Amino acid sequence: MLGFFTAKPYSPKLDIKADFVSVRGGDIEKKIELFKKAYYERILYGTSTGHDAFYVVGKWDGKKHYDEIQLSKYPDIVWEGTMLNWYKVPIGNYVAITFPSFRFGSYYVVPTENYIKYKKEEIRKALEAGAVGLEFDEPEFWHRAGYSEAFKRAWEEFYGEKWVDPESSYKARYKAEKLKAYLYLKLAEEVFNFVKELNPKAECILNPHSPINYAEMFQARSSWGGITAPIALSLQIEALDSILGEVWSDTIKANFMYGGYTWVDPFFHSYLERSYFENLVNNSNKKLYHLLDPKSDDPKFDWNTYRRWFEQDTLAAFMVGATNFIVAWPERLLTTFLPPAHEPP
């Protein structure tokens, strides 16, 4: 089975004749309508689990929710991501994914009860517009986070005791990461149950990176690095139908240690990550989708390099027995030539 996700409206140039499409971004109703007119019967809605701008700055309920941003103990850096021209800028103690001015900053949030209500309302609108499933992206709580008022409140509610600095002991670190995983597991379970109430036949997909990647890659993005996510735990969610293993060109070019040396081997890295996801769903009733991306987020390379990564990544997927695929952002190759901003060969 082949699908793709996109933030663009339907275009013949974008049409890869897939079995389904997952639409993201704004004007969802319009995008769903256009893909329906192009005879796409299976249209999903894709949204992030927890990196958000509009909820935080009060665009949903008129109240600012800066106390619900994941907060670190030390100031850090963040990627400025306008048009994928990545460079690092100071962000203070907030944890964010990118900080383009036109999006007010895309913050990682603590999934509170109020935030869960916000996500349900957002998703309900997409389902009412004709989406027949949900693709729920990247349930991520950073290791360096755990200092916001929202997280402290969640700690007291979950453990029945006052918050403890996660850095104060190994026990405190374990308890902090356990709570982080629980909060995103709760978010996913409540949202997927909500989707099934609205449409019992809807497909619910969760999109984590691999634990290998969460442990290593983000050292490049943050001086503190590391992410906690409820990956294996998510299989216990009855309403969850599928996992999309987010293995792609920007994860497979990360450094890894082997035999005491640091190596970069995109094919080997992809094979290792994809093997993890194949084993994760083995003997379960969950479907596995493998992610393929024709164009990296990273703008510093030429098209021949992107093609080589794509071929190595795709080969690894076939070698682990992949049968279901979702292509990420085909518009980067077919319609919108982001950096390097010229038409691919």
Protein backbone atom coordinates (compact mmCIF):
# COMPACT_ATOMS: atom_id res chain seq x y z
CA MET A 1 0.00 0.00 0.00
CA LEU A 2 1.28 3.46 -0.89
CA GLY A 3 0.28 6.80 0.60
CA PHE A 4 1.80 10.24 0.97
CA PHE A 5 1.41 13.26 3.20
CA THR A 6 1.49 16.83 2.00
CA ALA A 7 0.76 20.37 3.12
CA LYS A 8 -0.12 21.40 -0.44
CA PRO A 9 -3.53 21.35 -2.15
CA TYR A 10 -4.07 18.86 -4.93
CA SER A 11 -2.03 19.38 -8.08
CA PRO A 12 -1.58 16.99 -11.03
CA LYS A 13 2.19 17.40 -10.56
CA LEU A 14 1.81 16.18 -6.98
CA ASP A 15 -0.36 13.19 -7.86
CA ILE A 16 1.78 10.05 -7.50
CA LYS A 17 -1.31 7.82 -7.95
CA ALA A 18 -1.16 6.64 -4.35
CA ASP A 19 -3.78 4.59 -2.53
CA PHE A 20 -4.38 7.42 -0.07
CA VAL A 21 -3.22 10.87 0.98
CA SER A 22 -2.82 12.54 4.37
CA VAL A 23 -3.33 16.31 4.28
CA ARG A 24 -1.63 18.68 6.70
CA GLY A 25 -1.44 22.39 7.44
CA GLY A 26 -4.11 25.06 7.04
CA ASP A 27 -7.24 25.17 4.85
CA ILE A 28 -7.85 21.47 5.52
CA GLU A 29 -11.46 21.57 4.31
CA LYS A 30 -10.35 23.02 0.96
CA LYS A 31 -7.54 20.48 0.57
CA ILE A 32 -9.85 17.56 1.33
CA GLU A 33 -12.36 18.88 -1.21
CA LEU A 34 -9.71 19.18 -3.93
CA PHE A 35 -8.34 15.68 -3.36
CA LYS A 36 -11.88 14.29 -3.44
CA LYS A 37 -12.45 15.96 -6.80
CA ALA A 38 -9.26 14.24 -7.99
CA TYR A 39 -10.90 10.90 -7.08
CA TYR A 40 -8.95 10.24 -3.90
CA GLU A 41 -11.42 8.24 -1.81
CA ARG A 42 -9.16 7.70 1.19
CA ILE A 43 -8.03 11.00 2.71
CA LEU A 44 -6.50 11.19 6.18
CA TYR A 45 -5.70 14.20 8.34
CA GLY A 46 -2.15 14.65 9.60
CA THR A 47 -1.28 16.76 12.63
CA SER A 48 1.43 16.97 15.27
CA THR A 49 0.89 15.51 18.71
CA GLY A 50 2.68 18.22 20.60
CA HIS A 51 4.66 20.89 18.77
CA ASP A 52 2.36 23.82 18.44
CA ALA A 53 2.17 27.57 18.03
CA PHE A 54 -1.46 28.61 17.95
CA TYR A 55 -2.60 26.96 21.19
CA VAL A 56 0.33 28.41 23.14
CA VAL A 57 -0.21 32.01 22.03
CA GLY A 58 -3.97 31.91 22.66
CA LYS A 59 -5.34 31.52 19.14
CA TRP A 60 -7.69 28.72 20.26
CA ASP A 61 -9.33 29.81 23.53
CA GLY A 62 -8.06 33.38 23.87
CA LYS A 63 -5.74 32.41 26.74
CA LYS A 64 -1.97 32.23 26.56
CA HIS A 65 -0.48 28.88 27.60
CA TYR A 66 3.21 29.61 27.95
CA ASP A 67 3.24 27.65 31.21
CA GLU A 68 2.49 24.52 29.14
CA ILE A 69 5.57 24.80 26.91
CA GLN A 70 8.18 22.15 27.65
CA LEU A 71 10.78 24.02 29.69
CA SER A 72 14.44 23.15 30.23
CA LYS A 73 16.70 23.96 33.16
CA TYR A 74 19.32 25.65 30.99
CA PRO A 75 19.11 28.03 28.02
CA ASP A 76 19.43 26.30 24.68
CA ILE A 77 19.36 26.85 20.93
CA VAL A 78 16.65 26.19 18.36
CA TRP A 79 16.47 25.92 14.59
CA GLU A 80 15.09 28.91 12.73
CA GLY A 81 13.21 27.10 10.00
CA THR A 82 11.80 29.65 7.55
CA MET A 83 11.70 27.93 4.13
CA LEU A 84 14.03 25.26 5.56
CA ASN A 85 16.95 27.71 5.68
CA TRP A 86 18.06 26.20 8.98
CA TYR A 87 20.36 28.00 11.35
CA LYS A 88 20.56 28.02 15.12
CA VAL A 89 19.31 30.85 17.31
CA PRO A 90 19.05 31.21 21.11
CA ILE A 91 15.66 30.20 22.53
CA GLY A 92 16.23 30.58 26.26
CA ASN A 93 14.69 27.83 28.38
CA TYR A 94 11.76 27.07 26.08
CA VAL A 95 11.85 23.86 24.05
CA ALA A 96 10.86 24.48 20.44
CA ILE A 97 11.21 22.77 17.08
CA THR A 98 11.60 25.87 14.91
CA PHE A 99 11.20 29.57 15.46
CA PRO A 100 10.04 31.30 12.28
CA SER A 101 8.42 34.61 13.10
CA PHE A 102 5.35 33.96 10.94
CA ARG A 103 4.36 30.97 13.13
CA PHE A 104 5.03 32.66 16.48
CA GLY A 105 7.44 29.83 17.26
CA SER A 106 6.55 26.15 17.16
CA TYR A 107 6.82 25.04 20.76
CA TYR A 108 6.84 21.55 22.23
CA VAL A 109 4.04 21.37 24.78
CA VAL A 110 3.13 19.39 27.87
CA PRO A 111 -0.09 17.59 26.83
CA THR A 112 -2.49 18.85 29.49
CA GLU A 113 -6.22 18.12 29.66
CA ASN A 114 -6.93 21.48 28.03
CA TYR A 115 -4.47 20.77 25.23
CA ILE A 116 -6.14 17.40 24.60
CA LYS A 117 -9.48 19.22 24.21
CA TYR A 118 -7.84 21.55 21.69
CA LYS A 119 -6.49 18.64 19.63
CA LYS A 120 -9.86 16.87 19.67
CA GLU A 121 -11.62 19.97 18.35
CA GLU A 122 -9.00 20.43 15.63
CA ILE A 123 -9.28 16.79 14.54
CA ARG A 124 -13.08 16.75 14.69
CA LYS A 125 -13.23 19.54 12.11
CA ALA A 126 -11.05 17.55 9.73
CA LEU A 127 -13.14 14.40 10.14
CA GLU A 128 -16.35 16.35 9.58
CA ALA A 129 -14.80 17.75 6.40
CA GLY A 130 -14.33 14.23 5.06
CA ALA A 131 -11.08 12.82 6.47
CA VAL A 132 -11.36 9.09 7.16
CA GLY A 133 -8.43 8.71 9.51
CA LEU A 134 -5.76 10.41 11.59
CA GLU A 135 -2.01 10.45 11.18
CA PHE A 136 -0.69 11.66 14.57
CA ASP A 137 2.87 12.88 14.33
CA GLU A 138 5.84 12.63 16.73
CA PRO A 139 4.81 12.11 20.38
CA GLU A 140 7.93 13.70 21.84
CA PHE A 141 8.98 14.95 25.27
CA TRP A 142 12.54 16.19 25.48
CA HIS A 143 14.94 14.87 28.10
CA ARG A 144 16.05 18.38 28.94
CA ALA A 145 12.43 19.41 29.63
CA GLY A 146 10.54 18.82 32.86
CA TYR A 147 10.71 22.25 34.49
CA SER A 148 7.49 23.94 33.36
CA GLU A 149 4.63 24.67 35.72
CA ALA A 150 2.37 22.34 33.72
CA PHE A 151 4.82 19.46 34.15
CA LYS A 152 5.17 20.17 37.86
CA ARG A 153 1.39 20.03 38.23
CA ALA A 154 1.28 16.76 36.31
CA TRP A 155 4.01 15.34 38.58
CA GLU A 156 2.06 16.16 41.72
CA GLU A 157 -1.12 14.65 40.27
CA PHE A 158 0.60 11.49 38.97
CA TYR A 159 2.88 10.74 41.93
CA GLY A 160 0.97 12.43 44.76
CA GLU A 161 4.08 14.32 45.85
CA LYS A 162 5.84 17.60 45.16
CA TRP A 163 7.85 17.90 41.97
CA VAL A 164 11.52 16.92 42.18
CA ASP A 165 14.25 18.23 39.87
CA PRO A 166 14.89 15.41 37.36
CA GLU A 167 18.63 16.11 37.61
CA SER A 168 18.71 15.60 41.37
CA SER A 169 19.05 11.79 41.25
CA TYR A 170 18.75 8.75 39.02
CA LYS A 171 15.42 7.98 40.64
CA ALA A 172 14.10 11.45 39.86
CA ARG A 173 15.27 11.14 36.26
CA TYR A 174 13.49 7.79 35.89
CA LYS A 175 10.28 9.19 37.37
CA ALA A 176 10.42 12.23 35.10
CA GLU A 177 10.84 10.17 31.93
CA LYS A 178 8.13 7.72 33.03
CA LEU A 179 5.72 10.62 33.47
CA LYS A 180 6.65 12.13 30.10
CA ALA A 181 5.90 8.84 28.34
CA TYR A 182 2.61 8.50 30.24
CA LEU A 183 1.45 12.00 29.26
CA TYR A 184 1.93 11.40 25.55
CA LEU A 185 0.47 7.91 25.79
CA LYS A 186 -2.61 9.42 27.43
CA LEU A 187 -2.87 12.06 24.71
CA ALA A 188 -2.67 9.48 21.93
CA GLU A 189 -5.13 7.10 23.59
CA GLU A 190 -7.74 9.78 24.31
CA VAL A 191 -7.48 11.25 20.82
CA PHE A 192 -7.65 7.88 19.06
CA ASN A 193 -10.65 6.83 21.18
CA PHE A 194 -12.30 10.12 20.22
CA VAL A 195 -11.65 9.47 16.53
CA LYS A 196 -13.17 5.98 16.78
CA GLU A 197 -16.26 7.41 18.47
CA LEU A 198 -16.78 9.72 15.51
CA ASN A 199 -15.94 7.06 12.92
CA PRO A 200 -15.35 3.46 14.08
CA LYS A 201 -13.81 2.64 10.68
CA ALA A 202 -11.28 5.49 10.79
CA GLU A 203 -7.61 4.50 10.69
CA CYS A 204 -5.50 5.81 13.57
CA ILE A 205 -1.76 6.06 12.87
CA LEU A 206 0.98 7.12 15.31
CA ASN A 207 4.28 8.41 13.90
CA PRO A 208 7.27 8.04 16.27
CA HIS A 209 10.95 8.08 15.37
CA SER A 210 12.94 5.07 16.52
CA PRO A 211 14.47 5.00 20.02
CA ILE A 212 17.84 4.80 18.29
CA ASN A 213 17.23 8.14 16.66
CA TYR A 214 15.70 9.75 19.73
CA ALA A 215 18.84 8.85 21.67
CA GLU A 216 21.34 10.14 19.15
CA MET A 217 20.20 12.46 16.38
CA PHE A 218 18.97 15.38 18.38
CA GLN A 219 22.38 16.08 19.86
CA ALA A 220 22.80 18.01 16.62
CA ARG A 221 19.74 20.11 17.32
CA SER A 222 20.27 20.69 21.04
CA SER A 223 23.36 20.74 23.22
CA TRP A 224 21.39 18.57 25.67
CA GLY A 225 19.74 16.24 23.16
CA GLY A 226 17.51 13.23 23.70
CA ILE A 227 13.76 12.55 23.56
CA THR A 228 11.35 10.30 25.44
CA ALA A 229 8.39 8.83 23.55
CA PRO A 230 5.87 6.04 24.29
CA ILE A 231 6.80 3.88 21.30
CA ALA A 232 6.38 0.27 22.47
CA LEU A 233 3.83 1.41 25.04
CA SER A 234 1.60 2.72 22.27
CA LEU A 235 0.84 -0.82 21.09
CA GLN A 236 -1.40 -1.26 24.12
CA ILE A 237 -3.80 1.38 22.73
CA GLU A 238 -6.73 -0.59 21.37
CA ALA A 239 -7.84 2.21 19.05
CA LEU A 240 -4.38 2.40 17.45
CA ASP A 241 -4.39 0.70 14.04
CA SER A 242 -0.97 1.48 12.60
CA ILE A 243 2.55 2.74 13.28
CA LEU A 244 4.39 4.96 10.82
CA GLY A 245 8.08 4.43 11.56
CA GLU A 246 9.70 7.79 10.91
CA VAL A 247 12.97 6.65 9.39
CA TRP A 248 14.15 9.02 6.68
CA SER A 249 17.14 10.78 5.20
CA ASP A 250 17.68 13.05 8.20
CA THR A 251 17.71 10.17 10.70
CA ILE A 252 19.85 7.77 8.68
CA LYS A 253 22.72 10.23 8.25
CA ALA A 254 23.21 10.54 12.00
CA ASN A 255 26.46 9.37 13.58
CA PHE A 256 26.50 6.05 15.39
CA MET A 257 29.11 4.19 17.42
CA TYR A 258 30.41 0.82 16.22
CA GLY A 259 33.52 -0.95 17.45
CA GLY A 260 34.55 2.13 19.39
CA TYR A 261 34.46 4.37 16.33
CA THR A 262 32.00 6.96 15.05
CA TRP A 263 30.51 6.04 11.69
CA VAL A 264 28.07 7.51 9.20
CA ASP A 265 26.47 4.78 7.09
CA PRO A 266 22.97 5.74 5.87
CA PHE A 267 22.07 2.28 4.57
CA PHE A 268 23.14 0.47 7.74
CA HIS A 269 21.45 3.07 9.92
CA SER A 270 18.21 2.80 7.96
CA TYR A 271 18.29 -1.00 8.12
CA LEU A 272 18.83 -0.89 11.88
CA GLU A 273 15.98 1.56 12.51
CA ARG A 274 13.55 -0.17 10.16
CA SER A 275 14.37 -3.55 11.69
CA TYR A 276 13.38 -2.10 15.05
CA PHE A 277 9.93 -1.13 13.77
CA GLU A 278 9.40 -4.48 12.02
CA ASN A 279 10.14 -6.26 15.28
CA LEU A 280 8.01 -3.80 17.23
CA VAL A 281 4.79 -4.75 15.44
CA ASN A 282 5.68 -8.43 14.97
CA ASN A 283 2.94 -10.69 16.41
CA SER A 284 0.71 -7.68 17.07
CA ASN A 285 -2.45 -6.62 15.27
CA LYS A 286 -0.89 -3.30 14.24
CA LYS A 287 0.03 -2.39 10.67
CA LEU A 288 3.44 -0.86 9.95
CA TYR A 289 4.04 1.89 7.42
CA HIS A 290 7.59 2.74 6.36
CA LEU A 291 8.35 6.41 5.69
CA LEU A 292 10.22 7.42 2.53
CA ASP A 293 11.32 10.99 1.81
CA PRO A 294 12.65 12.13 -1.57
CA LYS A 295 14.05 15.39 -0.16
CA SER A 296 15.74 15.89 3.20
CA ASP A 297 14.88 18.71 5.60
CA ASP A 298 18.55 19.65 5.46
CA PRO A 299 19.20 22.18 2.65
CA LYS A 300 23.01 21.93 2.61
CA PHE A 301 23.35 19.13 0.05
CA ASP A 302 22.92 18.67 -3.69
CA TRP A 303 20.25 16.65 -5.47
CA ASN A 304 22.61 13.77 -6.23
CA THR A 305 23.20 13.33 -2.50
CA TYR A 306 19.46 13.42 -1.76
CA ARG A 307 18.89 10.80 -4.44
CA ARG A 308 21.62 8.54 -3.04
CA TRP A 309 20.13 8.75 0.46
CA PHE A 310 16.67 8.00 -0.92
CA GLU A 311 17.91 4.95 -2.79
CA GLN A 312 19.83 3.61 0.21
CA ASP A 313 16.87 4.22 2.50
CA THR A 314 14.39 2.58 0.13
CA LEU A 315 16.66 -0.44 -0.36
CA ALA A 316 16.88 -0.93 3.40
CA ALA A 317 13.08 -0.77 3.65
CA PHE A 318 12.67 -3.49 1.03
CA MET A 319 15.34 -5.63 2.68
CA VAL A 320 13.47 -5.69 6.00
CA GLY A 321 10.32 -6.77 4.19
CA ALA A 322 8.38 -3.49 3.99
CA THR A 323 5.07 -3.64 2.12
CA ASN A 324 3.33 -0.42 3.21
CA PHE A 325 4.82 3.00 2.52
CA ILE A 326 4.05 6.66 3.14
CA VAL A 327 6.02 9.23 1.13
CA ALA A 328 6.84 12.44 3.00
CA TRP A 329 6.43 15.82 1.31
CA PRO A 330 6.63 14.80 -2.38
CA GLU A 331 6.10 18.49 -3.19
CA ARG A 332 9.73 19.11 -2.21
CA LEU A 333 10.72 17.12 -5.27
CA LEU A 334 7.79 17.65 -7.63
CA THR A 335 6.43 21.17 -7.17
CA THR A 336 8.29 23.30 -4.61
CA PHE A 337 12.03 23.50 -4.99
CA LEU A 338 13.16 24.43 -1.51
CA PRO A 339 16.89 24.76 -0.85
CA PRO A 340 18.79 23.88 -2.91
CA ALA A 341 16.26 26.01 -4.77
CA HIS A 342 16.51 24.71 -8.28
CA GLU A 343 14.75 21.99 -10.22
CA PRO A 344 16.07 18.50 -9.48
CA PRO A 345 17.87 16.66 -12.30
